[in-house]
Amino acid sequence: CKGASVSHSIVMPGAKVCEGASVAYAIIGAGAVIGNGARVGKEQSD
């Protein structure tokens, strides 16, 4: 959704990343919902 960010991640079928949420270095399972402004994982250096 608008304002959300997904980086270095896998978003599986039917999942939703809501407004303002951030997902980094993560696997989001099928049909999962990442709520507004939620944070999953973090940016990582090599």
All heavy atoms as atom14 arrays in JSON, in Angstrom:
{
  "sequence": "CKGASVSHSIVMPGAKVCEGASVAYAIIGAGAVIGNGARVGKEQSD",
  "atom14_mask": [
    [1, 1, 1, 1, 1, 1, 0, 0, 0, 0, 0, 0, 0, 0],
    [1, 1, 1, 1, 1, 1, 1, 1, 1, 0, 0, 0, 0, 0],
    [1, 1, 1, 1, 0, 0, 0, 0, 0, 0, 0, 0, 0, 0],
    [1, 1, 1, 1, 1, 0, 0, 0, 0, 0, 0, 0, 0, 0],
    [1, 1, 1, 1, 1, 1, 0, 0, 0, 0, 0, 0, 0, 0],
    [1, 1, 1, 1, 1, 1, 1, 0, 0, 0, 0, 0, 0, 0],
    [1, 1, 1, 1, 1, 1, 0, 0, 0, 0, 0, 0, 0, 0],
    [1, 1, 1, 1, 1, 1, 1, 1, 1, 1, 0, 0, 0, 0],
    [1, 1, 1, 1, 1, 1, 0, 0, 0, 0, 0, 0, 0, 0],
    [1, 1, 1, 1, 1, 1, 1, 1, 0, 0, 0, 0, 0, 0],
    [1, 1, 1, 1, 1, 1, 1, 0, 0, 0, 0, 0, 0, 0],
    [1, 1, 1, 1, 1, 1, 1, 1, 0, 0, 0, 0, 0, 0],
    [1, 1, 1, 1, 1, 1, 1, 0, 0, 0, 0, 0, 0, 0],
    [1, 1, 1, 1, 0, 0, 0, 0, 0, 0, 0, 0, 0, 0],
    [1, 1, 1, 1, 1, 0, 0, 0, 0, 0, 0, 0, 0, 0],
    [1, 1, 1, 1, 1, 1, 1, 1, 1, 0, 0, 0, 0, 0],
    [1, 1, 1, 1, 1, 1, 1, 0, 0, 0, 0, 0, 0, 0],
    [1, 1, 1, 1, 1, 1, 0, 0, 0, 0, 0, 0, 0, 0],
    [1, 1, 1, 1, 1, 1, 1, 1, 1, 0, 0, 0, 0, 0],
    [1, 1, 1, 1, 0, 0, 0, 0, 0, 0, 0, 0, 0, 0],
    [1, 1, 1, 1, 1, 0, 0, 0, 0, 0, 0, 0, 0, 0],
    [1, 1, 1, 1, 1, 1, 0, 0, 0, 0, 0, 0, 0, 0],
    [1, 1, 1, 1, 1, 1, 1, 0, 0, 0, 0, 0, 0, 0],
    [1, 1, 1, 1, 1, 0, 0, 0, 0, 0, 0, 0, 0, 0],
    [1, 1, 1, 1, 1, 1, 1, 1, 1, 1, 1, 1, 0, 0],
    [1, 1, 1, 1, 1, 0, 0, 0, 0, 0, 0, 0, 0, 0],
    [1, 1, 1, 1, 1, 1, 1, 1, 0, 0, 0, 0, 0, 0],
    [1, 1, 1, 1, 1, 1, 1, 1, 0, 0, 0, 0, 0, 0],
    [1, 1, 1, 1, 0, 0, 0, 0, 0, 0, 0, 0, 0, 0],
    [1, 1, 1, 1, 1, 0, 0, 0, 0, 0, 0, 0, 0, 0],
    [1, 1, 1, 1, 0, 0, 0, 0, 0, 0, 0, 0, 0, 0],
    [1, 1, 1, 1, 1, 0, 0, 0, 0, 0, 0, 0, 0, 0],
    [1, 1, 1, 1, 1, 1, 1, 0, 0, 0, 0, 0, 0, 0],
    [1, 1, 1, 1, 1, 1, 1, 1, 0, 0, 0, 0, 0, 0],
    [1, 1, 1, 1, 0, 0, 0, 0, 0, 0, 0, 0, 0, 0],
    [1, 1, 1, 1, 1, 1, 1, 1, 0, 0, 0, 0, 0, 0],
    [1, 1, 1, 1, 0, 0, 0, 0, 0, 0, 0, 0, 0, 0],
    [1, 1, 1, 1, 1, 0, 0, 0, 0, 0, 0, 0, 0, 0],
    [1, 1, 1, 1, 1, 1, 1, 1, 1, 1, 1, 0, 0, 0],
    [1, 1, 1, 1, 1, 1, 1, 0, 0, 0, 0, 0, 0, 0],
    [1, 1, 1, 1, 0, 0, 0, 0, 0, 0, 0, 0, 0, 0],
    [1, 1, 1, 1, 1, 1, 1, 1, 1, 0, 0, 0, 0, 0],
    [1, 1, 1, 1, 1, 1, 1, 1, 1, 0, 0, 0, 0, 0],
    [1, 1, 1, 1, 1, 1, 1, 1, 1, 0, 0, 0, 0, 0],
    [1, 1, 1, 1, 1, 1, 0, 0, 0, 0, 0, 0, 0, 0],
    [1, 1, 1, 1, 1, 1, 1, 1, 0, 0, 0, 0, 0, 0]
  ],
  "atom14_positions": [
    [[0.81, -1.22, 0.0], [0.0, 0.0, 0.0], [0.85, 1.28, 0.0], [2.07, 1.24, 0.17], [-0.93, -0.01, 1.21], [-2.1, -1.39, 1.22], [0.0, 0.0, 0.0], [0.0, 0.0, 0.0], [0.0, 0.0, 0.0], [0.0, 0.0, 0.0], [0.0, 0.0, 0.0], [0.0, 0.0, 0.0], [0.0, 0.0, 0.0], [0.0, 0.0, 0.0]],
    [[0.17, 2.39, -0.16], [0.81, 3.7, -0.23], [1.62, 3.97, 1.05], [1.17, 3.71, 2.16], [-0.26, 4.78, -0.38], [0.27, 6.15, -0.74], [-0.88, 7.09, -1.06], [-0.35, 8.45, -1.46], [-1.45, 9.39, -1.81], [0.0, 0.0, 0.0], [0.0, 0.0, 0.0], [0.0, 0.0, 0.0], [0.0, 0.0, 0.0], [0.0, 0.0, 0.0]],
    [[2.84, 4.44, 0.86], [3.68, 4.78, 1.99], [4.37, 3.59, 2.63], [5.16, 3.75, 3.56], [0.0, 0.0, 0.0], [0.0, 0.0, 0.0], [0.0, 0.0, 0.0], [0.0, 0.0, 0.0], [0.0, 0.0, 0.0], [0.0, 0.0, 0.0], [0.0, 0.0, 0.0], [0.0, 0.0, 0.0], [0.0, 0.0, 0.0], [0.0, 0.0, 0.0]],
    [[4.08, 2.39, 2.15], [4.74, 1.18, 2.67], [6.03, 0.93, 1.91], [6.19, 1.36, 0.77], [3.82, -0.03, 2.53], [0.0, 0.0, 0.0], [0.0, 0.0, 0.0], [0.0, 0.0, 0.0], [0.0, 0.0, 0.0], [0.0, 0.0, 0.0], [0.0, 0.0, 0.0], [0.0, 0.0, 0.0], [0.0, 0.0, 0.0], [0.0, 0.0, 0.0]],
    [[6.96, 0.22, 2.56], [8.22, -0.12, 1.89], [8.55, -1.59, 2.13], [8.36, -2.11, 3.22], [9.36, 0.76, 2.4], [9.65, 0.48, 3.75], [0.0, 0.0, 0.0], [0.0, 0.0, 0.0], [0.0, 0.0, 0.0], [0.0, 0.0, 0.0], [0.0, 0.0, 0.0], [0.0, 0.0, 0.0], [0.0, 0.0, 0.0], [0.0, 0.0, 0.0]],
    [[9.03, -2.23, 1.06], [9.45, -3.62, 1.13], [10.85, -3.72, 0.54], [11.07, -3.3, -0.6], [8.48, -4.55, 0.35], [8.97, -5.98, 0.37], [7.07, -4.46, 0.92], [0.0, 0.0, 0.0], [0.0, 0.0, 0.0], [0.0, 0.0, 0.0], [0.0, 0.0, 0.0], [0.0, 0.0, 0.0], [0.0, 0.0, 0.0], [0.0, 0.0, 0.0]],
    [[11.78, -4.27, 1.31], [13.17, -4.33, 0.87], [13.76, -5.7, 1.17], [13.59, -6.23, 2.27], [13.98, -3.24, 1.6], [15.37, -3.43, 1.45], [0.0, 0.0, 0.0], [0.0, 0.0, 0.0], [0.0, 0.0, 0.0], [0.0, 0.0, 0.0], [0.0, 0.0, 0.0], [0.0, 0.0, 0.0], [0.0, 0.0, 0.0], [0.0, 0.0, 0.0]],
    [[14.46, -6.29, 0.17], [15.15, -7.57, 0.35], [14.24, -8.61, 1.02], [14.62, -9.27, 1.99], [16.42, -7.39, 1.19], [17.44, -6.51, 0.53], [17.42, -5.14, 0.64], [18.51, -6.82, -0.26], [18.44, -4.63, -0.05], [19.11, -5.62, -0.61], [0.0, 0.0, 0.0], [0.0, 0.0, 0.0], [0.0, 0.0, 0.0], [0.0, 0.0, 0.0]],
    [[13.03, -8.73, 0.5], [12.04, -9.6, 1.15], [11.25, -10.41, 0.13], [11.27, -10.13, -1.07], [11.07, -8.76, 2.0], [11.75, -8.16, 3.09], [0.0, 0.0, 0.0], [0.0, 0.0, 0.0], [0.0, 0.0, 0.0], [0.0, 0.0, 0.0], [0.0, 0.0, 0.0], [0.0, 0.0, 0.0], [0.0, 0.0, 0.0], [0.0, 0.0, 0.0]],
    [[10.55, -11.42, 0.66], [9.63, -12.23, -0.13], [8.23, -12.01, 0.44], [8.0, -12.26, 1.63], [9.97, -13.73, -0.03], [11.44, -13.98, -0.39], [9.06, -14.56, -0.92], [11.97, -15.3, 0.15], [0.0, 0.0, 0.0], [0.0, 0.0, 0.0], [0.0, 0.0, 0.0], [0.0, 0.0, 0.0], [0.0, 0.0, 0.0], [0.0, 0.0, 0.0]],
    [[7.33, -11.54, -0.39], [5.93, -11.39, 0.02], [5.15, -12.46, -0.73], [5.05, -12.42, -1.96], [5.4, -9.97, -0.29], [3.94, -9.85, 0.14], [6.25, -8.91, 0.41], [0.0, 0.0, 0.0], [0.0, 0.0, 0.0], [0.0, 0.0, 0.0], [0.0, 0.0, 0.0], [0.0, 0.0, 0.0], [0.0, 0.0, 0.0], [0.0, 0.0, 0.0]],
    [[4.64, -13.43, 0.0], [4.0, -14.6, -0.62], [2.56, -14.29, -1.06], [2.03, -13.22, -0.74], [4.1, -15.79, 0.32], [5.55, -16.29, 0.44], [5.7, -17.86, 1.29], [7.38, -18.31, 0.86], [0.0, 0.0, 0.0], [0.0, 0.0, 0.0], [0.0, 0.0, 0.0], [0.0, 0.0, 0.0], [0.0, 0.0, 0.0], [0.0, 0.0, 0.0]],
    [[1.95, -15.19, -1.83], [0.66, -14.89, -2.46], [-0.41, -14.36, -1.51], [-0.61, -14.88, -0.41], [0.24, -16.24, -3.06], [1.53, -16.92, -3.35], [2.44, -16.53, -2.22], [0.0, 0.0, 0.0], [0.0, 0.0, 0.0], [0.0, 0.0, 0.0], [0.0, 0.0, 0.0], [0.0, 0.0, 0.0], [0.0, 0.0, 0.0], [0.0, 0.0, 0.0]],
    [[-1.1, -13.3, -1.96], [-2.23, -12.77, -1.23], [-1.92, -12.0, 0.04], [-2.83, -11.57, 0.74], [0.0, 0.0, 0.0], [0.0, 0.0, 0.0], [0.0, 0.0, 0.0], [0.0, 0.0, 0.0], [0.0, 0.0, 0.0], [0.0, 0.0, 0.0], [0.0, 0.0, 0.0], [0.0, 0.0, 0.0], [0.0, 0.0, 0.0], [0.0, 0.0, 0.0]],
    [[-0.64, -11.8, 0.35], [-0.28, -11.05, 1.56], [-0.46, -9.55, 1.31], [-0.45, -9.08, 0.17], [1.15, -11.35, 1.97], [0.0, 0.0, 0.0], [0.0, 0.0, 0.0], [0.0, 0.0, 0.0], [0.0, 0.0, 0.0], [0.0, 0.0, 0.0], [0.0, 0.0, 0.0], [0.0, 0.0, 0.0], [0.0, 0.0, 0.0], [0.0, 0.0, 0.0]],
    [[-0.6, -8.79, 2.4], [-0.83, -7.35, 2.28], [0.08, -6.59, 3.24], [0.13, -6.9, 4.44], [-2.29, -7.02, 2.58], [-2.64, -5.54, 2.45], [-4.13, -5.3, 2.67], [-4.5, -3.82, 2.48], [-5.95, -3.59, 2.66], [0.0, 0.0, 0.0], [0.0, 0.0, 0.0], [0.0, 0.0, 0.0], [0.0, 0.0, 0.0], [0.0, 0.0, 0.0]],
    [[0.79, -5.6, 2.7], [1.6, -4.7, 3.51], [0.88, -3.35, 3.51], [0.81, -2.67, 2.49], [3.04, -4.57, 2.94], [3.88, -3.68, 3.84], [3.69, -5.95, 2.79], [0.0, 0.0, 0.0], [0.0, 0.0, 0.0], [0.0, 0.0, 0.0], [0.0, 0.0, 0.0], [0.0, 0.0, 0.0], [0.0, 0.0, 0.0], [0.0, 0.0, 0.0]],
    [[0.33, -2.98, 4.66], [-0.56, -1.83, 4.74], [0.19, -0.49, 4.77], [1.43, -0.45, 4.82], [-1.46, -1.95, 5.97], [-2.56, -3.38, 5.92], [0.0, 0.0, 0.0], [0.0, 0.0, 0.0], [0.0, 0.0, 0.0], [0.0, 0.0, 0.0], [0.0, 0.0, 0.0], [0.0, 0.0, 0.0], [0.0, 0.0, 0.0], [0.0, 0.0, 0.0]],
    [[-0.55, 0.6, 4.75], [0.02, 1.94, 4.65], [1.05, 2.22, 5.74], [0.82, 1.94, 6.92], [-1.09, 3.0, 4.72], [-1.92, 3.08, 3.46], [-2.8, 4.34, 3.43], [-2.45, 5.32, 4.12], [-3.82, 4.33, 2.7], [0.0, 0.0, 0.0], [0.0, 0.0, 0.0], [0.0, 0.0, 0.0], [0.0, 0.0, 0.0], [0.0, 0.0, 0.0]],
    [[2.18, 2.76, 5.31], [3.21, 3.18, 6.25], [4.0, 2.06, 6.88], [4.91, 2.32, 7.69], [0.0, 0.0, 0.0], [0.0, 0.0, 0.0], [0.0, 0.0, 0.0], [0.0, 0.0, 0.0], [0.0, 0.0, 0.0], [0.0, 0.0, 0.0], [0.0, 0.0, 0.0], [0.0, 0.0, 0.0], [0.0, 0.0, 0.0], [0.0, 0.0, 0.0]],
    [[3.71, 0.81, 6.54], [4.45, -0.32, 7.12], [5.79, -0.5, 6.42], [5.94, -0.12, 5.25], [3.63, -1.6, 7.01], [0.0, 0.0, 0.0], [0.0, 0.0, 0.0], [0.0, 0.0, 0.0], [0.0, 0.0, 0.0], [0.0, 0.0, 0.0], [0.0, 0.0, 0.0], [0.0, 0.0, 0.0], [0.0, 0.0, 0.0], [0.0, 0.0, 0.0]],
    [[6.75, -1.08, 7.13], [8.05, -1.36, 6.5], [8.41, -2.83, 6.72], [8.22, -3.38, 7.81], [9.14, -0.46, 7.07], [9.42, -0.78, 8.42], [0.0, 0.0, 0.0], [0.0, 0.0, 0.0], [0.0, 0.0, 0.0], [0.0, 0.0, 0.0], [0.0, 0.0, 0.0], [0.0, 0.0, 0.0], [0.0, 0.0, 0.0], [0.0, 0.0, 0.0]],
    [[8.91, -3.44, 5.66], [9.31, -4.85, 5.69], [10.71, -4.94, 5.1], [10.95, -4.45, 3.99], [8.33, -5.72, 4.86], [8.85, -7.15, 4.74], [6.93, -5.69, 5.46], [0.0, 0.0, 0.0], [0.0, 0.0, 0.0], [0.0, 0.0, 0.0], [0.0, 0.0, 0.0], [0.0, 0.0, 0.0], [0.0, 0.0, 0.0], [0.0, 0.0, 0.0]],
    [[11.65, -5.52, 5.84], [13.03, -5.63, 5.35], [13.62, -6.97, 5.77], [13.45, -7.39, 6.92], [13.88, -4.48, 5.88], [0.0, 0.0, 0.0], [0.0, 0.0, 0.0], [0.0, 0.0, 0.0], [0.0, 0.0, 0.0], [0.0, 0.0, 0.0], [0.0, 0.0, 0.0], [0.0, 0.0, 0.0], [0.0, 0.0, 0.0], [0.0, 0.0, 0.0]],
    [[14.29, -7.63, 4.84], [14.94, -8.92, 5.11], [13.96, -9.85, 5.83], [14.19, -10.29, 6.95], [16.22, -8.71, 5.92], [17.32, -8.06, 5.11], [17.38, -6.68, 4.98], [18.27, -8.82, 4.44], [18.36, -6.07, 4.2], [19.26, -8.22, 3.67], [19.3, -6.85, 3.55], [20.27, -6.26, 2.77], [0.0, 0.0, 0.0], [0.0, 0.0, 0.0]],
    [[12.87, -10.14, 5.12], [11.78, -10.92, 5.74], [11.1, -11.81, 4.72], [11.22, -11.6, 3.5], [10.76, -9.98, 6.38], [0.0, 0.0, 0.0], [0.0, 0.0, 0.0], [0.0, 0.0, 0.0], [0.0, 0.0, 0.0], [0.0, 0.0, 0.0], [0.0, 0.0, 0.0], [0.0, 0.0, 0.0], [0.0, 0.0, 0.0], [0.0, 0.0, 0.0]],
    [[10.38, -12.8, 5.24], [9.47, -13.61, 4.43], [8.08, -13.43, 5.03], [7.86, -13.74, 6.21], [9.86, -15.1, 4.45], [11.27, -15.31, 3.89], [8.85, -15.92, 3.64], [11.77, -16.75, 3.96], [0.0, 0.0, 0.0], [0.0, 0.0, 0.0], [0.0, 0.0, 0.0], [0.0, 0.0, 0.0], [0.0, 0.0, 0.0], [0.0, 0.0, 0.0]],
    [[7.17, -12.91, 4.22], [5.79, -12.69, 4.66], [4.94, -13.82, 4.07], [4.82, -13.94, 2.85], [5.26, -11.32, 4.2], [6.23, -10.19, 4.57], [3.86, -11.07, 4.77], [6.52, -10.06, 6.05], [0.0, 0.0, 0.0], [0.0, 0.0, 0.0], [0.0, 0.0, 0.0], [0.0, 0.0, 0.0], [0.0, 0.0, 0.0], [0.0, 0.0, 0.0]],
    [[4.37, -14.66, 4.93], [3.62, -15.83, 4.48], [2.35, -15.48, 3.72], [1.83, -14.36, 3.8], [0.0, 0.0, 0.0], [0.0, 0.0, 0.0], [0.0, 0.0, 0.0], [0.0, 0.0, 0.0], [0.0, 0.0, 0.0], [0.0, 0.0, 0.0], [0.0, 0.0, 0.0], [0.0, 0.0, 0.0], [0.0, 0.0, 0.0], [0.0, 0.0, 0.0]],
    [[1.86, -16.46, 2.96], [0.66, -16.26, 2.14], [-0.51, -15.78, 2.98], [-0.8, -16.32, 4.04], [0.31, -17.57, 1.43], [0.0, 0.0, 0.0], [0.0, 0.0, 0.0], [0.0, 0.0, 0.0], [0.0, 0.0, 0.0], [0.0, 0.0, 0.0], [0.0, 0.0, 0.0], [0.0, 0.0, 0.0], [0.0, 0.0, 0.0], [0.0, 0.0, 0.0]],
    [[-1.18, -14.73, 2.5], [-2.38, -14.22, 3.17], [-2.14, -13.44, 4.44], [-3.1, -13.02, 5.1], [0.0, 0.0, 0.0], [0.0, 0.0, 0.0], [0.0, 0.0, 0.0], [0.0, 0.0, 0.0], [0.0, 0.0, 0.0], [0.0, 0.0, 0.0], [0.0, 0.0, 0.0], [0.0, 0.0, 0.0], [0.0, 0.0, 0.0], [0.0, 0.0, 0.0]],
    [[-0.88, -13.25, 4.83], [-0.59, -12.48, 6.05], [-0.86, -10.99, 5.81], [-0.87, -10.51, 4.67], [0.87, -12.68, 6.46], [0.0, 0.0, 0.0], [0.0, 0.0, 0.0], [0.0, 0.0, 0.0], [0.0, 0.0, 0.0], [0.0, 0.0, 0.0], [0.0, 0.0, 0.0], [0.0, 0.0, 0.0], [0.0, 0.0, 0.0], [0.0, 0.0, 0.0]],
    [[-1.1, -10.27, 6.9], [-1.34, -8.82, 6.82], [-0.37, -8.11, 7.76], [-0.27, -8.44, 8.94], [-2.79, -8.48, 7.23], [-3.0, -6.96, 7.22], [-3.78, -9.16, 6.29], [0.0, 0.0, 0.0], [0.0, 0.0, 0.0], [0.0, 0.0, 0.0], [0.0, 0.0, 0.0], [0.0, 0.0, 0.0], [0.0, 0.0, 0.0], [0.0, 0.0, 0.0]],
    [[0.36, -7.14, 7.21], [1.25, -6.3, 8.01], [0.53, -4.97, 8.2], [0.33, -4.22, 7.24], [2.62, -6.09, 7.3], [3.19, -7.44, 6.81], [3.58, -5.37, 8.24], [3.36, -8.49, 7.88], [0.0, 0.0, 0.0], [0.0, 0.0, 0.0], [0.0, 0.0, 0.0], [0.0, 0.0, 0.0], [0.0, 0.0, 0.0], [0.0, 0.0, 0.0]],
    [[0.11, -4.69, 9.43], [-0.77, -3.56, 9.71], [-0.16, -2.2, 9.44], [1.06, -2.06, 9.21], [0.0, 0.0, 0.0], [0.0, 0.0, 0.0], [0.0, 0.0, 0.0], [0.0, 0.0, 0.0], [0.0, 0.0, 0.0], [0.0, 0.0, 0.0], [0.0, 0.0, 0.0], [0.0, 0.0, 0.0], [0.0, 0.0, 0.0], [0.0, 0.0, 0.0]],
    [[-1.01, -1.18, 9.48], [-0.57, 0.19, 9.23], [0.58, 0.57, 10.18], [0.48, 0.38, 11.4], [-1.72, 1.18, 9.46], [-2.83, 1.0, 8.45], [-2.58, 0.84, 7.26], [-4.07, 1.01, 8.92], [0.0, 0.0, 0.0], [0.0, 0.0, 0.0], [0.0, 0.0, 0.0], [0.0, 0.0, 0.0], [0.0, 0.0, 0.0], [0.0, 0.0, 0.0]],
    [[1.66, 1.08, 9.61], [2.77, 1.56, 10.41], [3.57, 0.49, 11.13], [4.45, 0.8, 11.93], [0.0, 0.0, 0.0], [0.0, 0.0, 0.0], [0.0, 0.0, 0.0], [0.0, 0.0, 0.0], [0.0, 0.0, 0.0], [0.0, 0.0, 0.0], [0.0, 0.0, 0.0], [0.0, 0.0, 0.0], [0.0, 0.0, 0.0], [0.0, 0.0, 0.0]],
    [[3.26, -0.77, 10.85], [4.0, -1.87, 11.51], [5.4, -2.0, 10.9], [5.65, -1.54, 9.78], [3.24, -3.18, 11.37], [0.0, 0.0, 0.0], [0.0, 0.0, 0.0], [0.0, 0.0, 0.0], [0.0, 0.0, 0.0], [0.0, 0.0, 0.0], [0.0, 0.0, 0.0], [0.0, 0.0, 0.0], [0.0, 0.0, 0.0], [0.0, 0.0, 0.0]],
    [[6.29, -2.65, 11.65], [7.66, -2.88, 11.14], [8.01, -4.35, 11.3], [7.88, -4.91, 12.38], [8.67, -2.01, 11.89], [10.12, -2.28, 11.46], [11.1, -1.32, 12.09], [11.22, -1.42, 13.53], [11.88, -2.39, 14.17], [12.44, -3.38, 13.49], [11.97, -2.38, 15.49], [0.0, 0.0, 0.0], [0.0, 0.0, 0.0], [0.0, 0.0, 0.0]],
    [[8.49, -4.94, 10.2], [8.94, -6.33, 10.21], [10.39, -6.37, 9.73], [10.68, -5.96, 8.6], [8.07, -7.23, 9.31], [8.61, -8.66, 9.28], [6.61, -7.21, 9.76], [0.0, 0.0, 0.0], [0.0, 0.0, 0.0], [0.0, 0.0, 0.0], [0.0, 0.0, 0.0], [0.0, 0.0, 0.0], [0.0, 0.0, 0.0], [0.0, 0.0, 0.0]],
    [[11.3, -6.84, 10.59], [12.7, -6.92, 10.22], [13.35, -5.55, 10.17], [12.75, -4.53, 10.52], [0.0, 0.0, 0.0], [0.0, 0.0, 0.0], [0.0, 0.0, 0.0], [0.0, 0.0, 0.0], [0.0, 0.0, 0.0], [0.0, 0.0, 0.0], [0.0, 0.0, 0.0], [0.0, 0.0, 0.0], [0.0, 0.0, 0.0], [0.0, 0.0, 0.0]],
    [[14.61, -5.54, 9.71], [15.32, -4.27, 9.58], [16.37, -4.39, 8.49], [16.79, -5.49, 8.11], [15.97, -3.88, 10.9], [17.1, -4.78, 11.33], [17.78, -4.27, 12.6], [18.96, -5.15, 12.98], [19.64, -4.69, 14.22], [0.0, 0.0, 0.0], [0.0, 0.0, 0.0], [0.0, 0.0, 0.0], [0.0, 0.0, 0.0], [0.0, 0.0, 0.0]],
    [[16.8, -3.24, 7.96], [17.86, -3.22, 6.96], [19.14, -3.78, 7.58], [19.43, -3.54, 8.76], [18.11, -1.79, 6.47], [16.95, -1.22, 5.65], [16.74, -1.92, 4.32], [17.67, -2.61, 3.84], [15.64, -1.81, 3.76], [0.0, 0.0, 0.0], [0.0, 0.0, 0.0], [0.0, 0.0, 0.0], [0.0, 0.0, 0.0], [0.0, 0.0, 0.0]],
    [[19.91, -4.53, 6.78], [21.12, -5.17, 7.29], [22.25, -5.03, 6.28], [22.03, -5.09, 5.07], [20.86, -6.66, 7.57], [19.78, -6.88, 8.62], [19.4, -8.35, 8.76], [20.25, -9.23, 8.76], [18.1, -8.61, 8.89], [0.0, 0.0, 0.0], [0.0, 0.0, 0.0], [0.0, 0.0, 0.0], [0.0, 0.0, 0.0], [0.0, 0.0, 0.0]],
    [[23.46, -4.85, 6.79], [24.62, -4.82, 5.91], [25.05, -6.25, 5.62], [24.65, -7.18, 6.33], [25.76, -4.05, 6.57], [26.09, -4.63, 7.82], [0.0, 0.0, 0.0], [0.0, 0.0, 0.0], [0.0, 0.0, 0.0], [0.0, 0.0, 0.0], [0.0, 0.0, 0.0], [0.0, 0.0, 0.0], [0.0, 0.0, 0.0], [0.0, 0.0, 0.0]],
    [[25.85, -6.42, 4.59], [26.29, -7.76, 4.18], [27.13, -8.39, 5.29], [28.19, -7.89, 5.64], [27.11, -7.65, 2.89], [27.44, -9.03, 2.33], [27.09, -10.03, 2.98], [28.05, -9.09, 1.25], [0.0, 0.0, 0.0], [0.0, 0.0, 0.0], [0.0, 0.0, 0.0], [0.0, 0.0, 0.0], [0.0, 0.0, 0.0], [0.0, 0.0, 0.0]]
  ]
}
